[in-house]
N, C-alpha and C. Protein backbone atom coordinates (compact mmCIF):
# COMPACT_ATOMS: atom_id res chain seq x y z
N ILE A 1 99.22 112.04 122.91
CA ILE A 1 99.81 113.17 121.97
C ILE A 1 99.98 114.70 122.12
N ASP A 2 100.55 115.02 122.25
CA ASP A 2 100.88 116.67 122.58
C ASP A 2 100.29 117.40 121.59
N ILE A 3 99.06 117.73 121.77
CA ILE A 3 98.54 118.74 120.72
C ILE A 3 99.01 120.03 120.79
N PHE A 4 99.92 120.79 121.82
CA PHE A 4 100.50 121.83 121.76
C PHE A 4 101.52 122.11 121.65
N ASN A 5 102.00 123.44 120.54
CA ASN A 5 102.67 123.77 120.43
C ASN A 5 103.56 124.61 121.44
N THR A 6 104.52 124.36 121.75
CA THR A 6 105.36 125.35 123.23
C THR A 6 106.74 126.07 122.89
N THR A 7 106.50 127.23 123.44
CA THR A 7 107.94 127.94 123.53
C THR A 7 108.12 128.11 124.86
N VAL A 8 109.33 128.12 125.58
CA VAL A 8 109.88 128.41 127.02
C VAL A 8 110.14 130.20 126.82
N ILE A 9 109.56 131.08 127.61
CA ILE A 9 110.12 132.25 127.69
C ILE A 9 110.98 132.63 128.84
N PRO A 10 112.35 132.81 128.24
CA PRO A 10 113.39 133.48 129.18
C PRO A 10 113.08 134.58 130.12
N ALA A 11 114.03 134.41 131.14
CA ALA A 11 113.70 135.97 132.08
C ALA A 11 113.90 137.14 131.54
N ILE A 12 115.28 137.17 130.59
CA ILE A 12 115.38 138.18 130.07
C ILE A 12 115.46 137.92 128.79
N SER A 13 115.13 138.89 127.81
CA SER A 13 114.82 139.22 126.45
C SER A 13 115.99 140.47 125.87
N LYS A 14 116.73 140.22 125.04
CA LYS A 14 117.44 141.13 124.32
C LYS A 14 116.71 142.03 123.26
N TYR A 15 115.64 141.25 122.78
CA TYR A 15 114.99 141.93 121.61
C TYR A 15 113.74 143.08 121.85
N GLU A 16 113.57 143.89 121.18
CA GLU A 16 112.93 145.02 121.42
C GLU A 16 111.73 144.97 120.62
N ILE A 17 110.40 145.50 121.28
CA ILE A 17 109.35 145.52 120.68
C ILE A 17 109.21 146.44 119.66
N PRO A 18 108.69 145.87 118.31
CA PRO A 18 108.57 146.68 117.10
C PRO A 18 107.17 147.37 117.44
N PRO A 19 106.80 148.62 116.90
CA PRO A 19 105.82 149.19 116.50
C PRO A 19 104.98 148.15 116.07
N GLU A 20 103.55 148.73 116.38
CA GLU A 20 102.29 147.68 115.74
C GLU A 20 101.89 148.01 114.48
N PRO A 21 102.22 146.82 113.74
CA PRO A 21 101.73 147.43 112.20
C PRO A 21 100.13 147.47 112.39
N ARG A 22 100.04 148.05 110.95
CA ARG A 22 98.11 147.90 110.70
C ARG A 22 97.48 146.62 110.19
N GLU A 23 98.63 145.96 109.54
CA GLU A 23 98.42 144.41 108.91
C GLU A 23 99.32 143.43 109.54
N GLY A 24 98.79 142.22 109.43
CA GLY A 24 99.67 141.11 109.95
C GLY A 24 99.03 140.11 111.16
N PRO A 25 99.65 139.17 111.39
CA PRO A 25 98.68 138.24 112.20
C PRO A 25 98.53 138.87 113.94
N ARG A 26 97.49 138.80 114.13
CA ARG A 26 97.08 139.02 115.55
C ARG A 26 97.51 138.05 116.52
N ILE A 27 98.28 138.40 117.39
CA ILE A 27 98.82 137.45 118.72
C ILE A 27 97.94 137.57 119.79
N ALA A 28 97.29 136.56 120.31
CA ALA A 28 96.45 136.75 121.69
C ALA A 28 96.87 135.56 122.59
N ILE A 29 97.34 136.35 123.57
CA ILE A 29 97.98 135.79 124.70
C ILE A 29 96.86 135.49 125.85
N LYS A 30 96.69 134.22 126.08
CA LYS A 30 95.66 133.92 127.14
C LYS A 30 96.59 133.59 128.64
N LEU A 31 96.09 134.21 129.58
CA LEU A 31 96.79 134.14 130.99
C LEU A 31 95.98 132.97 131.70
N PRO A 32 96.67 132.39 132.81
CA PRO A 32 95.73 131.13 133.19
C PRO A 32 94.83 131.81 134.03
N ASN A 33 94.57 132.90 134.41
CA ASN A 33 93.49 133.31 134.80
C ASN A 33 92.39 133.76 133.99
N GLY A 34 92.52 133.30 132.62
CA GLY A 34 91.56 133.74 131.58
C GLY A 34 91.48 134.79 130.80
N GLN A 35 92.41 135.77 131.45
CA GLN A 35 92.48 136.65 130.89
C GLN A 35 93.56 137.32 129.54
N ARG A 36 93.05 137.95 128.40
CA ARG A 36 93.62 137.73 127.47
C ARG A 36 94.44 139.51 127.02
N PHE A 37 95.33 139.20 126.25
CA PHE A 37 96.01 140.61 125.71
C PHE A 37 96.23 140.19 124.25
N CYS A 38 96.32 141.31 123.28
CA CYS A 38 96.45 141.19 122.11
C CYS A 38 96.92 142.03 121.23
N ARG A 39 97.44 141.90 120.00
CA ARG A 39 98.20 142.92 119.23
C ARG A 39 98.77 142.44 117.92
N ARG A 40 99.17 142.93 116.88
CA ARG A 40 99.44 142.66 115.39
C ARG A 40 101.11 142.58 115.45
N PHE A 41 101.68 142.01 114.69
CA PHE A 41 102.91 142.05 114.53
C PHE A 41 103.18 141.55 113.11
N THR A 42 103.96 141.84 112.24
CA THR A 42 104.35 141.62 110.82
C THR A 42 104.89 140.13 111.26
N LYS A 43 104.81 139.44 110.06
CA LYS A 43 105.22 137.97 109.98
C LYS A 43 106.64 137.70 109.78
N THR A 44 107.66 138.96 109.98
CA THR A 44 108.90 138.85 110.08
C THR A 44 109.55 139.20 111.47
N THR A 45 108.47 139.58 112.40
CA THR A 45 109.15 139.68 113.88
C THR A 45 109.57 138.42 114.50
N ARG A 46 110.45 138.37 115.27
CA ARG A 46 111.13 137.85 115.57
C ARG A 46 110.39 136.92 116.91
N ILE A 47 110.80 135.92 117.34
CA ILE A 47 109.99 135.29 118.56
C ILE A 47 110.76 135.93 119.29
N GLY A 48 111.83 136.35 119.66
CA GLY A 48 112.26 136.96 120.62
C GLY A 48 111.28 138.48 121.14
N SER A 49 111.32 139.13 119.88
CA SER A 49 110.26 140.33 120.32
C SER A 49 108.85 139.78 120.90
N LEU A 50 108.35 138.72 120.61
CA LEU A 50 107.33 138.35 121.15
C LEU A 50 107.29 138.45 122.61
N HIS A 51 108.71 137.50 122.65
CA HIS A 51 108.75 137.28 124.35
C HIS A 51 108.82 138.59 124.97
N SER A 52 109.54 139.81 124.55
CA SER A 52 109.80 140.98 125.09
C SER A 52 108.30 141.31 125.33
N TRP A 53 107.36 141.62 123.99
CA TRP A 53 106.20 141.96 124.61
C TRP A 53 105.20 141.47 125.47
N ILE A 54 105.17 140.07 125.67
CA ILE A 54 104.74 139.60 126.74
C ILE A 54 104.91 139.72 127.96
N LYS A 55 106.53 139.92 127.82
CA LYS A 55 107.12 140.63 129.37
C LYS A 55 106.81 141.93 129.80
N SER A 56 106.91 142.62 128.81
CA SER A 56 106.04 144.18 129.15
C SER A 56 104.35 144.14 129.42
N GLU A 57 103.47 143.45 128.88
CA GLU A 57 102.55 143.11 129.27
C GLU A 57 101.93 142.78 130.37
N LEU A 58 102.80 141.84 130.91
CA LEU A 58 102.53 141.63 132.15
C LEU A 58 103.02 142.38 133.55
N ASN A 59 104.38 142.98 132.87
CA ASN A 59 104.59 144.24 133.82
C ASN A 59 103.44 145.42 134.19
N GLU A 60 102.97 145.40 133.06
CA GLU A 60 101.63 146.58 132.97
C GLU A 60 100.83 146.03 133.94
N GLN A 61 100.09 144.84 133.93
CA GLN A 61 99.29 144.19 134.34
C GLN A 61 99.52 143.68 135.88
N SER A 62 100.87 143.91 136.26
CA SER A 62 101.61 143.55 137.82
C SER A 62 101.35 144.76 138.05
N ASP A 63 101.51 145.88 137.96
CA ASP A 63 101.57 147.33 138.57
C ASP A 63 99.99 147.74 138.82
N GLU A 64 98.89 147.04 138.11
CA GLU A 64 97.58 147.14 138.74
C GLU A 64 97.38 146.06 140.24
N ASN A 65 98.38 145.53 140.77
CA ASN A 65 98.29 144.62 141.74
C ASN A 65 97.46 143.63 141.49
N LYS A 66 97.42 142.79 140.38
CA LYS A 66 97.04 141.67 140.09
C LYS A 66 97.85 140.59 140.67
N SER A 67 97.65 139.86 141.50
CA SER A 67 98.83 138.96 142.37
C SER A 67 98.74 137.66 141.44
N ASP A 68 97.83 137.31 140.58
CA ASP A 68 98.12 136.01 139.71
C ASP A 68 99.00 136.64 138.77
N VAL A 69 99.12 137.83 138.32
CA VAL A 69 100.52 138.01 137.25
C VAL A 69 101.29 138.16 137.83
N LYS A 70 101.60 139.03 139.08
CA LYS A 70 102.80 139.20 139.81
C LYS A 70 103.47 137.54 140.10
N GLU A 71 102.69 136.58 140.53
CA GLU A 71 103.23 135.19 140.60
C GLU A 71 103.55 134.62 139.15
N LEU A 72 103.19 135.14 138.07
CA LEU A 72 103.82 134.56 136.70
C LEU A 72 104.97 135.29 136.31
N LEU A 73 104.93 136.65 136.92
CA LEU A 73 105.98 137.14 136.83
C LEU A 73 107.61 136.41 137.88
N GLY A 74 106.94 136.23 138.71
CA GLY A 74 107.99 135.63 139.75
C GLY A 74 108.59 134.25 139.60
N SER A 75 108.13 133.66 138.01
CA SER A 75 108.24 132.46 137.40
C SER A 75 109.88 132.54 136.76
N LYS A 76 110.62 131.61 136.80
CA LYS A 76 111.97 131.61 135.98
C LYS A 76 111.71 131.25 134.63
N ARG A 77 110.27 130.61 134.24
CA ARG A 77 110.47 131.01 133.19
C ARG A 77 108.94 130.36 132.76
N PHE A 78 108.21 130.91 131.87
CA PHE A 78 106.85 130.40 131.19
C PHE A 78 106.91 129.53 130.19
N VAL A 79 105.88 128.87 129.75
CA VAL A 79 105.70 128.19 128.42
C VAL A 79 104.57 128.76 127.66
N LEU A 80 104.36 128.86 126.30
CA LEU A 80 103.65 129.36 125.53
C LEU A 80 103.12 128.24 124.73
N LYS A 81 101.90 128.10 124.74
CA LYS A 81 101.34 126.52 123.95
C LYS A 81 100.66 127.29 122.77
N LEU A 82 100.65 127.11 121.58
CA LEU A 82 99.96 127.44 120.75
C LEU A 82 99.01 126.40 120.41
N VAL A 83 97.65 126.93 120.39
CA VAL A 83 96.42 126.46 120.49
C VAL A 83 95.34 126.60 119.40
N ALA A 84 95.54 127.69 118.99
CA ALA A 84 94.86 128.05 117.47
C ALA A 84 95.14 128.91 116.56
N PRO A 85 95.52 128.71 115.14
CA PRO A 85 95.10 127.85 114.76
C PRO A 85 95.56 126.31 114.93
N PRO A 86 94.63 125.36 114.80
CA PRO A 86 95.45 123.88 114.93
C PRO A 86 96.53 123.68 113.95
N CYS A 87 97.71 123.00 113.95
CA CYS A 87 98.52 122.99 113.38
C CYS A 87 99.47 121.73 113.90
N THR A 88 101.01 121.23 112.73
CA THR A 88 101.32 120.45 113.59
C THR A 88 102.14 120.94 114.83
N CYS A 89 102.86 120.06 115.60
CA CYS A 89 103.38 120.11 116.73
C CYS A 89 105.07 120.89 116.20
N LYS A 90 105.11 121.87 117.17
CA LYS A 90 106.34 122.86 116.79
C LYS A 90 107.04 123.33 118.31
N ILE A 91 107.96 123.10 118.36
CA ILE A 91 108.37 124.13 119.69
C ILE A 91 109.03 125.38 119.44
N LEU A 92 108.66 126.23 119.95
CA LEU A 92 108.91 127.62 119.51
C LEU A 92 109.72 128.65 120.37
N GLU A 93 111.31 127.99 120.22
CA GLU A 93 112.13 128.33 121.58
C GLU A 93 113.08 129.23 120.93
N ASP A 94 113.27 129.07 119.45
CA ASP A 94 114.32 129.81 118.99
C ASP A 94 114.23 131.46 118.84
N GLU A 95 114.68 132.06 119.67
CA GLU A 95 114.05 133.68 119.72
C GLU A 95 114.70 134.54 118.30
N ASN A 96 115.43 133.72 117.88
CA ASN A 96 115.94 134.30 116.42
C ASN A 96 115.27 134.08 115.21
N PHE A 97 114.31 132.86 115.54
CA PHE A 97 113.26 132.75 114.23
C PHE A 97 112.12 133.67 114.37
N THR A 98 111.58 133.64 113.12
CA THR A 98 110.39 134.60 112.81
C THR A 98 109.04 134.08 113.20
N LEU A 99 107.82 134.93 113.22
CA LEU A 99 106.49 134.28 113.35
C LEU A 99 106.50 133.20 112.21
N SER A 100 106.90 134.02 110.77
CA SER A 100 107.03 133.10 109.26
C SER A 100 107.79 132.20 109.43
N ASP A 101 108.57 131.64 110.10
CA ASP A 101 109.65 130.74 110.14
C ASP A 101 108.46 129.37 111.01
N TYR A 102 107.85 129.91 111.76
CA TYR A 102 107.34 128.81 112.84
C TYR A 102 105.69 128.97 111.72
N GLU A 103 105.68 129.27 110.99
CA GLU A 103 104.32 129.38 109.86
C GLU A 103 103.19 130.09 110.64
N ILE A 104 103.31 131.05 111.54
CA ILE A 104 102.31 131.74 112.35
C ILE A 104 102.02 132.84 111.21
N LEU A 105 101.29 132.40 110.45
CA LEU A 105 101.21 133.58 109.15
C LEU A 105 99.60 134.28 109.56
N SER A 106 98.61 133.88 110.37
CA SER A 106 97.26 134.28 110.33
C SER A 106 96.84 134.35 111.96
N ASP A 107 95.74 134.93 112.25
CA ASP A 107 95.68 135.26 113.88
C ASP A 107 95.68 134.02 114.64
N THR A 108 96.35 134.18 115.80
CA THR A 108 96.99 133.33 116.64
C THR A 108 96.24 133.35 118.13
N LEU A 109 96.06 132.34 118.75
CA LEU A 109 95.96 132.26 120.35
C LEU A 109 97.18 131.60 120.82
N LEU A 110 97.55 131.92 121.85
CA LEU A 110 98.84 131.24 122.60
C LEU A 110 98.54 131.62 123.92
N VAL A 111 98.46 130.12 124.76
CA VAL A 111 98.21 130.27 126.07
C VAL A 111 99.65 130.10 126.80
N LEU A 112 99.80 131.12 127.93
CA LEU A 112 100.73 131.21 128.97
C LEU A 112 100.68 130.67 130.16
N GLU A 113 101.33 129.80 130.24
CA GLU A 113 101.50 128.95 131.80
C GLU A 113 102.96 129.01 132.26
N ASN A 114 102.94 128.62 133.56
CA ASN A 114 104.39 128.91 134.90
C ASN A 114 104.54 127.11 133.94
N ASP A 115 106.14 127.24 133.89
CA ASP A 115 106.76 125.94 133.71
C ASP A 115 106.92 125.27 134.81
C-alpha cells in the first residue's frame, strides 16, 4: 500500500511565488539530506506556485555550494511525498489546483526526492 501522496515537479514552472501570508498552512519541505525549509501559503495558493517556491529555495541552497542540492537541481523532475498529516493517497500533479483542492488546510510536511 502506498502511504504517500506524490507530485512530480516539472523543470520549469510558469507560476509566480506569492508573498508569504501571516496566516495559512505552513508547508515544510524535507530534502533527501534531512535539511528542511518552510513557509506559509494561503489555502488558495496553486500547486504551481508551490513548485516555483521549491525551485527558488533549491537554487538559493545551490548557491551555497551544497553538492547534494545541486544534484537535485540537475534532476529532470522531483517527487513530493505528502507524509504529514496522514490522509488518503492523492497525486498532487495538477499545477492549477490549489492547496485547498488537495485538502492541504493545515501545517504539512512534504518530502522531496529524485524521481
